[in-house]
Amino acid sequence: MSGKQLDAIVADKVLKALEPASLEVSVLAAADLEQAQQCMDDNWRQRLERTRFAVDRARRQYDAVEPENRLVARELERQWNKALQDAEALEQEYARFRQTNVTELSDDQRAMIQS
């Protein structure tokens, strides 16, 4: 038996021996990825909630102002509009995030990892 044949046999045996460990590492990595993406999604949802609260607060402040206070009403309306724009921009950014980041693996992807 030549050295090349022996090397090929040893390499094949080593790879077969490492296959189960590789599978376990792949499954753990996939689980870690899902968890990290879930954390990012939770963060986005919290940001959206805070932004919606700011919009609601700005609306309530605007609604509470006396009509005679035109300068105050104008400023509160400006703040409300800004909050609405910020909320819309954040929701669009979140939609882009959701499109580019898969939050969980599909069954096909899991099967591919385990094969």
Foldseek 3Di string as FASTA:
>chain_A
DDPVVVVVVVVVVVCVVCVVVQLVVLVVVQVVLLVVLVVVLVVLVVVLVVLVVQLVVLVVVLVPDDVVPVVSNVVSVVSNVVSVVVNVVSVVVVVVVCVVDPNHDDPVRNVVSND
